[in-house]
Amino acid sequence: MPLNLDDRTFYNTREACKLAGTNRHTFLRWVRQKKFTDVEHRDRNGWRLFTEDDVQRLKAHVNHIERISKT
């Protein structure tokens, strides 16, 4: 369930990944491999908090298609 603070909505990792169409393990691997820049917000326990912009950025990363040139 999203968290609302100061008129902003925050999602936890599971919720954000579900909205973006990926799973948590894939997201964490991308962060570890520096393929995706981690989110800026965390709660007092250190858990990630995704803003709507973070979710959209993750969704764009999930749907990114690269062209591989053949030589």
Protein backbone atom coordinates (compact mmCIF):
# COMPACT_ATOMS: atom_id res chain seq x y z
CA MET A 1 0.00 0.00 0.00
CA PRO A 2 1.53 3.33 -1.05
CA LEU A 3 2.57 5.77 1.65
CA ASN A 4 1.43 9.40 1.45
CA LEU A 5 3.65 12.03 3.09
CA ASP A 6 3.55 15.78 2.49
CA ASP A 7 1.27 15.38 -0.55
CA ARG A 8 3.71 12.90 -2.16
CA THR A 9 3.12 9.23 -2.76
CA PHE A 10 5.89 6.74 -2.04
CA TYR A 11 5.99 3.07 -3.03
CA ASN A 12 8.09 0.28 -1.58
CA THR A 13 10.33 -1.82 -3.81
CA ARG A 14 7.78 -4.59 -4.38
CA GLU A 15 5.04 -2.12 -5.35
CA ALA A 16 7.32 -0.09 -7.62
CA CYS A 17 8.61 -3.19 -9.42
CA LYS A 18 5.07 -4.48 -9.93
CA LEU A 19 3.98 -1.13 -11.40
CA ALA A 20 7.06 -1.07 -13.66
CA GLY A 21 6.61 -4.65 -14.85
CA THR A 22 9.72 -6.27 -13.38
CA ASN A 23 10.58 -8.18 -10.24
CA ARG A 24 12.49 -7.11 -7.17
CA HIS A 25 15.46 -9.39 -7.82
CA THR A 26 15.98 -7.96 -11.30
CA PHE A 27 15.78 -4.40 -9.95
CA LEU A 28 18.31 -5.14 -7.20
CA ARG A 29 20.67 -6.74 -9.73
CA TRP A 30 20.45 -3.64 -11.95
CA VAL A 31 21.31 -1.41 -8.99
CA ARG A 32 24.21 -3.66 -7.97
CA GLN A 33 25.54 -3.72 -11.55
CA LYS A 34 25.09 0.08 -11.77
CA LYS A 35 22.70 -0.29 -14.71
CA PHE A 36 20.04 1.66 -12.81
CA THR A 37 20.64 4.61 -10.47
CA ASP A 38 19.22 3.85 -7.04
CA VAL A 39 16.40 5.93 -5.55
CA GLU A 40 17.10 8.92 -3.30
CA HIS A 41 14.59 8.29 -0.52
CA ARG A 42 14.68 5.73 2.29
CA ASP A 43 12.58 5.29 5.40
CA ARG A 44 14.06 5.22 8.89
CA ASN A 45 14.78 1.48 8.52
CA GLY A 46 16.72 2.01 5.29
CA TRP A 47 14.05 0.61 2.99
CA ARG A 48 13.79 2.23 -0.44
CA LEU A 49 10.93 4.63 -1.08
CA PHE A 50 10.06 5.20 -4.75
CA THR A 51 8.42 8.41 -5.90
CA GLU A 52 6.14 8.43 -8.93
CA ASP A 53 9.10 9.75 -10.94
CA ASP A 54 11.25 6.83 -9.75
CA VAL A 55 8.55 4.37 -10.83
CA GLN A 56 8.33 5.99 -14.27
CA ARG A 57 12.13 5.93 -14.60
CA LEU A 58 12.15 2.23 -13.69
CA LYS A 59 9.33 1.54 -16.14
CA ALA A 60 11.32 3.28 -18.90
CA HIS A 61 14.35 1.15 -18.03
CA VAL A 62 12.27 -2.03 -18.13
CA ASN A 63 10.89 -1.13 -21.57
CA HIS A 64 14.20 0.08 -23.05
CA ILE A 65 15.16 -1.64 -26.28
CA GLU A 66 18.71 -1.52 -27.58
CA ARG A 67 19.69 -2.04 -31.17
CA ILE A 68 22.59 -4.41 -31.58
CA SER A 69 24.53 -3.81 -34.75
CA LYS A 70 25.74 -6.80 -36.71
CA THR A 71 29.21 -6.61 -38.14
